């Protein structure tokens, strides 16, 4: 195989109670990527359609991720990458993660899969570090492994794929404003009161349990962010009204998707997820803010070969 075409999925990180450790993979929203072998060694980004992003390998998240990977394997080949960006950078649904994860997945396939999916996460994190200044895995892990994922630890890196309840659907609304990940990180305090931490630990543990037992009511009760959401929500106009509208429409709960400005809601069943989408959209219509909206089941596969 000398060429591979991929679907590189969007993701929701943090899922309210799991800052930097929880993420989930979306099914019908994502980029497309073409990766091909070349006789000339090295990594080249030859084309980007849909967004104005750097073609220079060292300045592109896909290029940086693949360079990190090639340092740990011997190959006589080089690689060219074409990206069709359908996820807007700064949208909060893992634009940089889709590119980073897709690139290492594709190159790994063309090399005969010397690395496991879990091993690819650390390379994709290099792309995230370029994009945000922090090598976090909460987007690239679900993009590569699919479903819900938990980053158990970073030193050493350990990622666990969690159970995905069959009836869970995600609704994501992206208001057409940009919140840069680096800026969203800058508003987060570096210390937290013990009382808040205890509440957060309980919600995180409760959510993991609820995923395995498919206890949808418990999922809803655990979708609460005691720590980061209060600091980031002022960056997103109408955040609280959108979240309240989704819950009033039947959603289990919701919060900020990644670093924002996208807002997510989780629902039991597609019908409820679509009702939540309609309710969330009404808020931004009243605000006069343009938006994109997605309703998706959970993608349990991750990056897919097209």
C-alpha atoms as a PDB file:
ATOM      1  CA  UNK A   1       0.000   0.000   0.000  1.00  0.00           C
ATOM      2  CA  UNK A   2       1.478   3.337  -1.098  1.00  0.00           C
ATOM      3  CA  UNK A   3      -1.456   5.654  -0.417  1.00  0.00           C
ATOM      4  CA  UNK A   4      -4.280   5.825   2.105  1.00  0.00           C
ATOM      5  CA  UNK A   5      -7.341   8.060   2.455  1.00  0.00           C
ATOM      6  CA  UNK A   6      -8.703   8.712   5.939  1.00  0.00           C
ATOM      7  CA  UNK A   7     -11.605  10.183   7.868  1.00  0.00           C
ATOM      8  CA  UNK A   8     -10.147  12.057  10.858  1.00  0.00           C
ATOM      9  CA  UNK A   9     -12.910  12.579  13.434  1.00  0.00           C
ATOM     10  CA  UNK A  10     -13.797  15.544  15.577  1.00  0.00           C
ATOM     11  CA  UNK A  11     -13.772  14.991  19.325  1.00  0.00           C
ATOM     12  CA  UNK A  12     -15.159  16.433  22.537  1.00  0.00           C
ATOM     13  CA  UNK A  13     -12.563  16.817  25.291  1.00  0.00           C
ATOM     14  CA  UNK A  14     -12.977  17.156  29.065  1.00  0.00           C
ATOM     15  CA  UNK A  15     -16.682  16.098  29.059  1.00  0.00           C
ATOM     16  CA  UNK A  16     -17.256  18.525  31.949  1.00  0.00           C
ATOM     17  CA  UNK A  17     -15.728  16.614  34.851  1.00  0.00           C
ATOM     18  CA  UNK A  18     -12.572  15.255  33.200  1.00  0.00           C
ATOM     19  CA  UNK A  19     -10.318  18.199  32.344  1.00  0.00           C
ATOM     20  CA  UNK A  20      -7.362  16.987  30.250  1.00  0.00           C
ATOM     21  CA  UNK A  21      -8.209  13.305  30.883  1.00  0.00           C
ATOM     22  CA  UNK A  22     -11.636  12.535  29.328  1.00  0.00           C
ATOM     23  CA  UNK A  23     -12.689  12.657  25.690  1.00  0.00           C
ATOM     24  CA  UNK A  24     -15.124  11.155  23.195  1.00  0.00           C
ATOM     25  CA  UNK A  25     -15.100  10.642  19.451  1.00  0.00           C
ATOM     26  CA  UNK A  26     -17.759  11.981  17.069  1.00  0.00           C
ATOM     27  CA  UNK A  27     -19.002   9.995  14.102  1.00  0.00           C
ATOM     28  CA  UNK A  28     -20.095  12.292  11.294  1.00  0.00           C
ATOM     29  CA  UNK A  29     -17.919  15.371  11.772  1.00  0.00           C
ATOM     30  CA  UNK A  30     -14.261  15.421  10.784  1.00  0.00           C
ATOM     31  CA  UNK A  31     -11.515  16.074   8.258  1.00  0.00           C
ATOM     32  CA  UNK A  32     -10.309  13.983   5.343  1.00  0.00           C
ATOM     33  CA  UNK A  33      -6.661  13.213   4.740  1.00  0.00           C
ATOM     34  CA  UNK A  34      -4.577  11.612   2.027  1.00  0.00           C
ATOM     35  CA  UNK A  35      -1.201  10.143   3.017  1.00  0.00           C
ATOM     36  CA  UNK A  36       1.184   8.700   0.452  1.00  0.00           C
ATOM     37  CA  UNK A  37       4.654   7.174   0.427  1.00  0.00           C
ATOM     38  CA  UNK A  38       7.395   8.930  -1.528  1.00  0.00           C
ATOM     39  CA  UNK A  39      10.923   7.935  -2.493  1.00  0.00           C
ATOM     40  CA  UNK A  40      12.255  11.203  -1.096  1.00  0.00           C
ATOM     41  CA  UNK A  41      12.696  10.956   2.674  1.00  0.00           C
ATOM     42  CA  UNK A  42      11.056  13.407   5.035  1.00  0.00           C
ATOM     43  CA  UNK A  43       7.534  14.674   5.594  1.00  0.00           C
ATOM     44  CA  UNK A  44       5.838  17.210   3.348  1.00  0.00           C
ATOM     45  CA  UNK A  45       2.417  18.833   3.707  1.00  0.00           C
ATOM     46  CA  UNK A  46       1.545  19.341   0.048  1.00  0.00           C
ATOM     47  CA  UNK A  47      -2.008  20.692   0.187  1.00  0.00           C
ATOM     48  CA  UNK A  48      -4.522  22.017   2.734  1.00  0.00           C
ATOM     49  CA  UNK A  49      -8.075  22.638   1.542  1.00  0.00           C
ATOM     50  CA  UNK A  50     -10.672  24.504   3.584  1.00  0.00           C
ATOM     51  CA  UNK A  51      -8.471  26.487   5.983  1.00  0.00           C
ATOM     52  CA  UNK A  52      -5.382  28.663   5.772  1.00  0.00           C
ATOM     53  CA  UNK A  53      -2.821  26.706   7.776  1.00  0.00           C
ATOM     54  CA  UNK A  54       0.970  26.440   7.419  1.00  0.00           C
ATOM     55  CA  UNK A  55       2.374  23.993   4.906  1.00  0.00           C
ATOM     56  CA  UNK A  56       5.817  24.049   6.554  1.00  0.00           C
ATOM     57  CA  UNK A  57       6.276  20.654   8.210  1.00  0.00           C
ATOM     58  CA  UNK A  58       7.648  22.014  11.490  1.00  0.00           C
ATOM     59  CA  UNK A  59       4.786  24.526  11.781  1.00  0.00           C
ATOM     60  CA  UNK A  60       1.967  22.089  10.982  1.00  0.00           C
ATOM     61  CA  UNK A  61       0.544  19.803  13.695  1.00  0.00           C
ATOM     62  CA  UNK A  62       0.333  16.827  11.326  1.00  0.00           C
ATOM     63  CA  UNK A  63       3.925  17.305  10.232  1.00  0.00           C
ATOM     64  CA  UNK A  64       5.266  17.645  13.766  1.00  0.00           C
ATOM     65  CA  UNK A  65       3.395  14.520  14.910  1.00  0.00           C
ATOM     66  CA  UNK A  66       4.775  12.399  12.061  1.00  0.00           C
ATOM     67  CA  UNK A  67       8.324  13.720  12.584  1.00  0.00           C
ATOM     68  CA  UNK A  68       8.131  12.591  16.221  1.00  0.00           C
ATOM     69  CA  UNK A  69       6.991   9.167  15.086  1.00  0.00           C
ATOM     70  CA  UNK A  70       9.703   8.749  12.442  1.00  0.00           C
ATOM     71  CA  UNK A  71      12.386   9.435  15.060  1.00  0.00           C
ATOM     72  CA  UNK A  72      11.442   6.091  16.614  1.00  0.00           C
ATOM     73  CA  UNK A  73      11.386   3.975  13.464  1.00  0.00           C
ATOM     74  CA  UNK A  74      13.701   3.356  10.526  1.00  0.00           C
ATOM     75  CA  UNK A  75      12.296   3.813   7.047  1.00  0.00           C
ATOM     76  CA  UNK A  76      13.625   4.418   3.568  1.00  0.00           C
ATOM     77  CA  UNK A  77      10.451   6.262   2.591  1.00  0.00           C
ATOM     78  CA  UNK A  78       9.190   9.780   2.879  1.00  0.00           C
ATOM     79  CA  UNK A  79       5.558  10.876   3.138  1.00  0.00           C
ATOM     80  CA  UNK A  80       3.282  13.475   1.587  1.00  0.00           C
ATOM     81  CA  UNK A  81       0.102  14.594   3.313  1.00  0.00           C
ATOM     82  CA  UNK A  82      -2.955  16.350   1.869  1.00  0.00           C
ATOM     83  CA  UNK A  83      -5.583  17.614   4.322  1.00  0.00           C
ATOM     84  CA  UNK A  84      -9.160  18.669   3.672  1.00  0.00           C
ATOM     85  CA  UNK A  85     -10.064  20.647   6.783  1.00  0.00           C
ATOM     86  CA  UNK A  86     -13.734  20.513   7.710  1.00  0.00           C
ATOM     87  CA  UNK A  87     -13.144  21.207  11.411  1.00  0.00           C
ATOM     88  CA  UNK A  88     -12.378  24.867  11.982  1.00  0.00           C
ATOM     89  CA  UNK A  89      -9.308  25.636  14.109  1.00  0.00           C
ATOM     90  CA  UNK A  90     -10.285  27.118  17.455  1.00  0.00           C
ATOM     91  CA  UNK A  91     -13.738  25.504  17.350  1.00  0.00           C
ATOM     92  CA  UNK A  92     -13.280  23.351  20.453  1.00  0.00           C
ATOM     93  CA  UNK A  93     -13.933  20.007  18.736  1.00  0.00           C
ATOM     94  CA  UNK A  94     -10.375  18.883  18.166  1.00  0.00           C
ATOM     95  CA  UNK A  95      -9.237  20.408  14.875  1.00  0.00           C
ATOM     96  CA  UNK A  96      -5.522  20.013  15.639  1.00  0.00           C
ATOM     97  CA  UNK A  97      -6.136  16.563  17.156  1.00  0.00           C
ATOM     98  CA  UNK A  98      -7.869  15.333  13.989  1.00  0.00           C
ATOM     99  CA  UNK A  99      -4.866  16.347  11.880  1.00  0.00           C
ATOM    100  CA  UNK A 100      -2.293  14.989  14.331  1.00  0.00           C
ATOM    101  CA  UNK A 101      -4.098  11.694  14.912  1.00  0.00           C
ATOM    102  CA  UNK A 102      -4.918  11.162  11.243  1.00  0.00           C
ATOM    103  CA  UNK A 103      -1.352  11.773  10.128  1.00  0.00           C
ATOM    104  CA  UNK A 104       0.284   9.312  12.531  1.00  0.00           C
ATOM    105  CA  UNK A 105      -2.463   6.739  11.897  1.00  0.00           C
ATOM    106  CA  UNK A 106      -1.959   6.964   8.129  1.00  0.00           C
ATOM    107  CA  UNK A 107       1.835   6.808   8.204  1.00  0.00           C
ATOM    108  CA  UNK A 108       1.699   3.923  10.675  1.00  0.00           C
ATOM    109  CA  UNK A 109      -0.561   2.002   8.269  1.00  0.00           C
ATOM    110  CA  UNK A 110       1.775   2.609   5.334  1.00  0.00           C
ATOM    111  CA  UNK A 111       4.723   1.411   7.449  1.00  0.00           C
ATOM    112  CA  UNK A 112       2.975  -1.875   8.235  1.00  0.00           C
ATOM    113  CA  UNK A 113       1.687  -0.808  11.668  1.00  0.00           C
ATOM    114  CA  UNK A 114       4.856  -0.956  13.793  1.00  0.00           C
ATOM    115  CA  UNK A 115       3.025   0.983  16.539  1.00  0.00           C
ATOM    116  CA  UNK A 116      -0.214   0.185  18.380  1.00  0.00           C
ATOM    117  CA  UNK A 117      -2.998   2.768  18.503  1.00  0.00           C
ATOM    118  CA  UNK A 118      -2.113   3.503  22.133  1.00  0.00           C
ATOM    119  CA  UNK A 119       1.510   4.083  21.153  1.00  0.00           C
ATOM    120  CA  UNK A 120       0.434   6.536  18.449  1.00  0.00           C
ATOM    121  CA  UNK A 121      -1.157   8.795  21.068  1.00  0.00           C
ATOM    122  CA  UNK A 122       2.208  10.084  22.331  1.00  0.00           C
ATOM    123  CA  UNK A 123       3.230  11.106  18.795  1.00  0.00           C
ATOM    124  CA  UNK A 124      -0.079  12.844  18.101  1.00  0.00           C
ATOM    125  CA  UNK A 125       0.361  14.749  21.364  1.00  0.00           C
ATOM    126  CA  UNK A 126       3.341  16.541  19.789  1.00  0.00           C
ATOM    127  CA  UNK A 127       0.927  18.158  17.372  1.00  0.00           C
ATOM    128  CA  UNK A 128      -1.257  19.257  20.275  1.00  0.00           C
ATOM    129  CA  UNK A 129       1.780  20.750  21.983  1.00  0.00           C
ATOM    130  CA  UNK A 130       2.503  22.833  18.881  1.00  0.00           C
ATOM    131  CA  UNK A 131      -1.115  24.016  18.705  1.00  0.00           C
ATOM    132  CA  UNK A 132      -1.727  24.864  22.348  1.00  0.00           C
ATOM    133  CA  UNK A 133       1.588  24.808  24.181  1.00  0.00           C
ATOM    134  CA  UNK A 134       0.594  21.744  26.196  1.00  0.00           C
ATOM    135  CA  UNK A 135       0.979  18.074  25.096  1.00  0.00           C
ATOM    136  CA  UNK A 136      -2.478  16.916  26.206  1.00  0.00           C
ATOM    137  CA  UNK A 137      -4.123  13.675  25.019  1.00  0.00           C
ATOM    138  CA  UNK A 138      -7.816  14.207  25.760  1.00  0.00           C
ATOM    139  CA  UNK A 139      -8.621  14.843  22.063  1.00  0.00           C
ATOM    140  CA  UNK A 140      -6.057  12.684  20.245  1.00  0.00           C
ATOM    141  CA  UNK A 141      -6.803   9.608  22.395  1.00  0.00           C
ATOM    142  CA  UNK A 142     -10.488   9.308  21.392  1.00  0.00           C
ATOM    143  CA  UNK A 143      -9.622  10.303  17.806  1.00  0.00           C
ATOM    144  CA  UNK A 144      -7.270   7.302  17.574  1.00  0.00           C
ATOM    145  CA  UNK A 145      -9.015   4.751  19.810  1.00  0.00           C
ATOM    146  CA  UNK A 146     -12.639   5.768  19.290  1.00  0.00           C
ATOM    147  CA  UNK A 147     -15.438   5.952  21.851  1.00  0.00           C
ATOM    148  CA  UNK A 148     -14.871   7.413  25.304  1.00  0.00           C
ATOM    149  CA  UNK A 149     -11.281   7.471  26.545  1.00  0.00           C
ATOM    150  CA  UNK A 150      -9.620   8.192  29.868  1.00  0.00           C
ATOM    151  CA  UNK A 151      -6.019   9.357  30.228  1.00  0.00           C
ATOM    152  CA  UNK A 152      -5.081   7.539  33.429  1.00  0.00           C
ATOM    153  CA  UNK A 153      -1.701   9.270  33.552  1.00  0.00           C
ATOM    154  CA  UNK A 154       0.832  11.214  31.521  1.00  0.00           C
ATOM    155  CA  UNK A 155       4.078  10.070  33.141  1.00  0.00           C
ATOM    156  CA  UNK A 156       4.096   7.387  31.906  1.00  0.00           C
ATOM    157  CA  UNK A 157       1.340   7.885  29.361  1.00  0.00           C
ATOM    158  CA  UNK A 158      -1.531   5.452  29.932  1.00  0.00           C
ATOM    159  CA  UNK A 159      -4.817   5.656  28.027  1.00  0.00           C
ATOM    160  CA  UNK A 160      -7.869   3.505  28.748  1.00  0.00           C
ATOM    161  CA  UNK A 161     -10.743   3.031  26.312  1.00  0.00           C
ATOM    162  CA  UNK A 162     -14.035   3.134  28.202  1.00  0.00           C
ATOM    163  CA  UNK A 163     -17.412   1.606  27.424  1.00  0.00           C
ATOM    164  CA  UNK A 164     -19.691   3.638  25.118  1.00  0.00           C
ATOM    165  CA  UNK A 165     -23.417   3.313  25.935  1.00  0.00           C
ATOM    166  CA  UNK A 166     -25.327   2.434  22.773  1.00  0.00           C
ATOM    167  CA  UNK A 167     -27.955   5.144  23.057  1.00  0.00           C
ATOM    168  CA  UNK A 168     -25.672   8.099  23.779  1.00  0.00           C
ATOM    169  CA  UNK A 169     -25.747  10.897  21.200  1.00  0.00           C
ATOM    170  CA  UNK A 170     -23.804  14.138  21.269  1.00  0.00           C
ATOM    171  CA  UNK A 171     -25.032  17.550  20.164  1.00  0.00           C
ATOM    172  CA  UNK A 172     -22.406  20.219  19.554  1.00  0.00           C
ATOM    173  CA  UNK A 173     -23.057  23.843  18.656  1.00  0.00           C
ATOM    174  CA  UNK A 174     -20.178  25.986  17.446  1.00  0.00           C
ATOM    175  CA  UNK A 175     -20.830  29.742  17.602  1.00  0.00           C
ATOM    176  CA  UNK A 176     -18.758  31.513  14.948  1.00  0.00           C
ATOM    177  CA  UNK A 177     -16.277  33.055  17.331  1.00  0.00           C
ATOM    178  CA  UNK A 178     -12.774  31.780  18.018  1.00  0.00           C
ATOM    179  CA  UNK A 179     -11.405  30.860  21.411  1.00  0.00           C
ATOM    180  CA  UNK A 180      -7.759  29.849  21.138  1.00  0.00           C
ATOM    181  CA  UNK A 181      -6.771  26.898  23.296  1.00  0.00           C
ATOM    182  CA  UNK A 182      -3.764  28.778  24.638  1.00  0.00           C
ATOM    183  CA  UNK A 183      -5.988  31.693  25.680  1.00  0.00           C
ATOM    184  CA  UNK A 184      -8.551  29.370  27.276  1.00  0.00           C
ATOM    185  CA  UNK A 185      -5.759  27.731  29.277  1.00  0.00           C
ATOM    186  CA  UNK A 186      -4.436  31.087  30.463  1.00  0.00           C
ATOM    187  CA  UNK A 187      -7.611  31.820  32.485  1.00  0.00           C
ATOM    188  CA  UNK A 188      -7.359  28.594  34.498  1.00  0.00           C
ATOM    189  CA  UNK A 189      -6.056  28.950  38.048  1.00  0.00           C
ATOM    190  CA  UNK A 190      -3.187  26.638  38.960  1.00  0.00           C
ATOM    191  CA  UNK A 191      -4.530  25.816  42.428  1.00  0.00           C
ATOM    192  CA  UNK A 192      -8.034  24.734  43.493  1.00  0.00           C
ATOM    193  CA  UNK A 193      -9.766  24.388  46.871  1.00  0.00           C
ATOM    194  CA  UNK A 194      -9.880  20.842  48.231  1.00  0.00           C
ATOM    195  CA  UNK A 195     -13.689  20.977  48.497  1.00  0.00           C
ATOM    196  CA  UNK A 196     -14.020  21.635  44.758  1.00  0.00           C
ATOM    197  CA  UNK A 197     -11.494  18.907  43.932  1.00  0.00           C
ATOM    198  CA  UNK A 198     -13.460  16.338  45.951  1.00  0.00           C
ATOM    199  CA  UNK A 199     -16.664  17.190  44.077  1.00  0.00           C
ATOM    200  CA  UNK A 200     -14.822  16.862  40.762  1.00  0.00           C
ATOM    201  CA  UNK A 201     -13.282  13.483  41.667  1.00  0.00           C
ATOM    202  CA  UNK A 202     -16.720  12.184  42.583  1.00  0.00           C
ATOM    203  CA  UNK A 203     -18.240  13.314  39.303  1.00  0.00           C
ATOM    204  CA  UNK A 204     -15.409  11.810  37.256  1.00  0.00           C
ATOM    205  CA  UNK A 205     -15.619   8.453  39.018  1.00  0.00           C
ATOM    206  CA  UNK A 206     -19.408   8.516  38.797  1.00  0.00           C
ATOM    207  CA  UNK A 207     -19.343   9.191  35.060  1.00  0.00           C
ATOM    208  CA  UNK A 208     -16.951   6.316  34.361  1.00  0.00           C
ATOM    209  CA  UNK A 209     -19.185   3.995  36.392  1.00  0.00           C
ATOM    210  CA  UNK A 210     -22.310   5.266  34.618  1.00  0.00           C
ATOM    211  CA  UNK A 211     -20.809   4.601  31.179  1.00  0.00           C
ATOM    212  CA  UNK A 212     -20.267   0.941  32.031  1.00  0.00           C
ATOM    213  CA  UNK A 213     -23.649   0.452  33.707  1.00  0.00           C
ATOM    214  CA  UNK A 214     -25.405   2.547  31.025  1.00  0.00           C
ATOM    215  CA  UNK A 215     -27.077   4.533  33.790  1.00  0.00           C
ATOM    216  CA  UNK A 216     -28.172   7.555  31.765  1.00  0.00           C
ATOM    217  CA  UNK A 217     -29.554   9.508  34.716  1.00  0.00           C
ATOM    218  CA  UNK A 218     -26.248   9.134  36.544  1.00  0.00           C
ATOM    219  CA  UNK A 219     -24.404  10.278  33.428  1.00  0.00           C
ATOM    220  CA  UNK A 220     -26.454  13.463  33.534  1.00  0.00           C
ATOM    221  CA  UNK A 221     -25.778  14.072  37.229  1.00  0.00           C
ATOM    222  CA  UNK A 222     -22.030  13.693  36.675  1.00  0.00           C
ATOM    223  CA  UNK A 223     -21.819  16.169  33.772  1.00  0.00           C
ATOM    224  CA  UNK A 224     -20.851  18.965  36.139  1.00  0.00           C
ATOM    225  CA  UNK A 225     -17.601  20.937  36.068  1.00  0.00           C
ATOM    226  CA  UNK A 226     -16.756  22.458  39.410  1.00  0.00           C
ATOM    227  CA  UNK A 227     -13.343  23.792  38.380  1.00  0.00           C
ATOM    228  CA  UNK A 228     -12.746  24.869  34.776  1.00  0.00           C
ATOM    229  CA  UNK A 229     -16.185  25.771  33.394  1.00  0.00           C
ATOM    230  CA  UNK A 230     -16.719  28.692  35.820  1.00  0.00           C
ATOM    231  CA  UNK A 231     -13.449  30.230  34.593  1.00  0.00           C
ATOM    232  CA  UNK A 232     -13.930  29.600  30.866  1.00  0.00           C
ATOM    233  CA  UNK A 233     -17.672  30.176  30.431  1.00  0.00           C
ATOM    234  CA  UNK A 234     -17.357  34.009  30.400  1.00  0.00           C
ATOM    235  CA  UNK A 235     -15.373  33.623  27.146  1.00  0.00           C
ATOM    236  CA  UNK A 236     -18.463  32.112  25.440  1.00  0.00           C
ATOM    237  CA  UNK A 237     -21.467  34.410  24.930  1.00  0.00           C
ATOM    238  CA  UNK A 238     -24.769  32.825  25.933  1.00  0.00           C
ATOM    239  CA  UNK A 239     -23.113  29.725  27.367  1.00  0.00           C
ATOM    240  CA  UNK A 240     -25.405  29.228  30.356  1.00  0.00           C
ATOM    241  CA  UNK A 241     -28.575  29.876  28.339  1.00  0.00           C
ATOM    242  CA  UNK A 242     -27.509  27.345  25.684  1.00  0.00           C
ATOM    243  CA  UNK A 243     -26.706  24.694  28.288  1.00  0.00           C
ATOM    244  CA  UNK A 244     -29.992  25.284  30.122  1.00  0.00           C
ATOM    245  CA  UNK A 245     -31.954  25.119  26.851  1.00  0.00           C
ATOM    246  CA  UNK A 246     -30.403  21.747  25.977  1.00  0.00           C
ATOM    247  CA  UNK A 247     -31.280  20.278  29.369  1.00  0.00           C
ATOM    248  CA  UNK A 248     -34.814  21.705  29.188  1.00  0.00           C
ATOM    249  CA  UNK A 249     -35.181  19.928  25.820  1.00  0.00           C
ATOM    250  CA  UNK A 250     -34.321  16.588  27.432  1.00  0.00           C
ATOM    251  CA  UNK A 251     -30.523  16.392  27.243  1.00  0.00           C
ATOM    252  CA  UNK A 252     -28.791  14.610  30.103  1.00  0.00           C
ATOM    253  CA  UNK A 253     -26.359  17.474  30.576  1.00  0.00           C
ATOM    254  CA  UNK A 254     -23.623  19.386  28.842  1.00  0.00           C
ATOM    255  CA  UNK A 255     -20.782  21.833  29.055  1.00  0.00           C
ATOM    256  CA  UNK A 256     -17.888  23.422  27.185  1.00  0.00           C
ATOM    257  CA  UNK A 257     -16.439  21.267  24.417  1.00  0.00           C
ATOM    258  CA  UNK A 258     -12.682  21.288  24.889  1.00  0.00           C
ATOM    259  CA  UNK A 259     -11.486  24.856  25.301  1.00  0.00           C
ATOM    260  CA  UNK A 260     -14.601  26.246  23.586  1.00  0.00           C
ATOM    261  CA  UNK A 261     -16.367  28.090  22.115  1.00  0.00           C
ATOM    262  CA  UNK A 262     -18.346  24.973  21.143  1.00  0.00           C
ATOM    263  CA  UNK A 263     -20.897  23.753  23.669  1.00  0.00           C
ATOM    264  CA  UNK A 264     -21.864  20.085  23.879  1.00  0.00           C
ATOM    265  CA  UNK A 265     -24.834  18.184  25.251  1.00  0.00           C
ATOM    266  CA  UNK A 266     -25.217  14.433  25.702  1.00  0.00           C
ATOM    267  CA  UNK A 267     -28.619  12.814  25.240  1.00  0.00           C
ATOM    268  CA  UNK A 268     -30.216   9.393  25.372  1.00  0.00           C
ATOM    269  CA  UNK A 269     -31.312   8.733  21.803  1.00  0.00           C
ATOM    270  CA  UNK A 270     -31.046  10.619  18.537  1.00  0.00           C
ATOM    271  CA  UNK A 271     -34.506  12.165  18.794  1.00  0.00           C
ATOM    272  CA  UNK A 272     -33.688  13.896  22.066  1.00  0.00           C
ATOM    273  CA  UNK A 273     -30.284  14.989  20.741  1.00  0.00           C
ATOM    274  CA  UNK A 274     -32.013  16.654  17.782  1.00  0.00           C
ATOM    275  CA  UNK A 275     -34.494  18.404  20.114  1.00  0.00           C
ATOM    276  CA  UNK A 276     -31.531  19.681  22.127  1.00  0.00           C
ATOM    277  CA  UNK A 277     -29.914  20.905  18.904  1.00  0.00           C
ATOM    278  CA  UNK A 278     -33.009  22.889  17.984  1.00  0.00           C
ATOM    279  CA  UNK A 279     -33.226  24.439  21.448  1.00  0.00           C
ATOM    280  CA  UNK A 280     -29.521  25.342  21.504  1.00  0.00           C
ATOM    281  CA  UNK A 281     -29.761  26.900  18.036  1.00  0.00           C
ATOM    282  CA  UNK A 282     -32.696  29.092  19.088  1.00  0.00           C
ATOM    283  CA  UNK A 283     -30.532  30.778  21.713  1.00  0.00           C
ATOM    284  CA  UNK A 284     -27.913  31.833  19.178  1.00  0.00           C
ATOM    285  CA  UNK A 285     -30.583  32.932  16.717  1.00  0.00           C
ATOM    286  CA  UNK A 286     -31.800  35.314  19.430  1.00  0.00           C
ATOM    287  CA  UNK A 287     -28.215  36.461  20.029  1.00  0.00           C
ATOM    288  CA  UNK A 288     -27.715  37.070  16.304  1.00  0.00           C
ATOM    289  CA  UNK A 289     -24.633  34.827  16.305  1.00  0.00           C
ATOM    290  CA  UNK A 290     -23.912  32.526  13.355  1.00  0.00           C
ATOM    291  CA  UNK A 291     -23.275  28.907  14.276  1.00  0.00           C
ATOM    292  CA  UNK A 292     -22.654  25.370  13.066  1.00  0.00           C
ATOM    293  CA  UNK A 293     -24.421  22.486  14.776  1.00  0.00           C
ATOM    294  CA  UNK A 294     -23.748  18.746  14.775  1.00  0.00           C
ATOM    295  CA  UNK A 295     -25.718  15.763  16.082  1.00  0.00           C
ATOM    296  CA  UNK A 296     -23.685  12.585  16.230  1.00  0.00           C
ATOM    297  CA  UNK A 297     -23.650   9.122  17.682  1.00  0.00           C
ATOM    298  CA  UNK A 298     -20.415   8.038  19.345  1.00  0.00           C
ATOM    299  CA  UNK A 299     -17.759   6.815  16.902  1.00  0.00           C
ATOM    300  CA  UNK A 300     -16.312   3.728  18.593  1.00  0.00           C
ATOM    301  CA  UNK A 301     -13.665   3.181  15.883  1.00  0.00           C
ATOM    302  CA  UNK A 302     -11.779   6.480  15.720  1.00  0.00           C
ATOM    303  CA  UNK A 303      -9.824   7.374  12.551  1.00  0.00           C
ATOM    304  CA  UNK A 304     -11.281   5.412   9.633  1.00  0.00           C
ATOM    305  CA  UNK A 305      -9.860   4.272   6.296  1.00  0.00           C
ATOM    306  CA  UNK A 306     -12.048   5.516   3.460  1.00  0.00           C
END
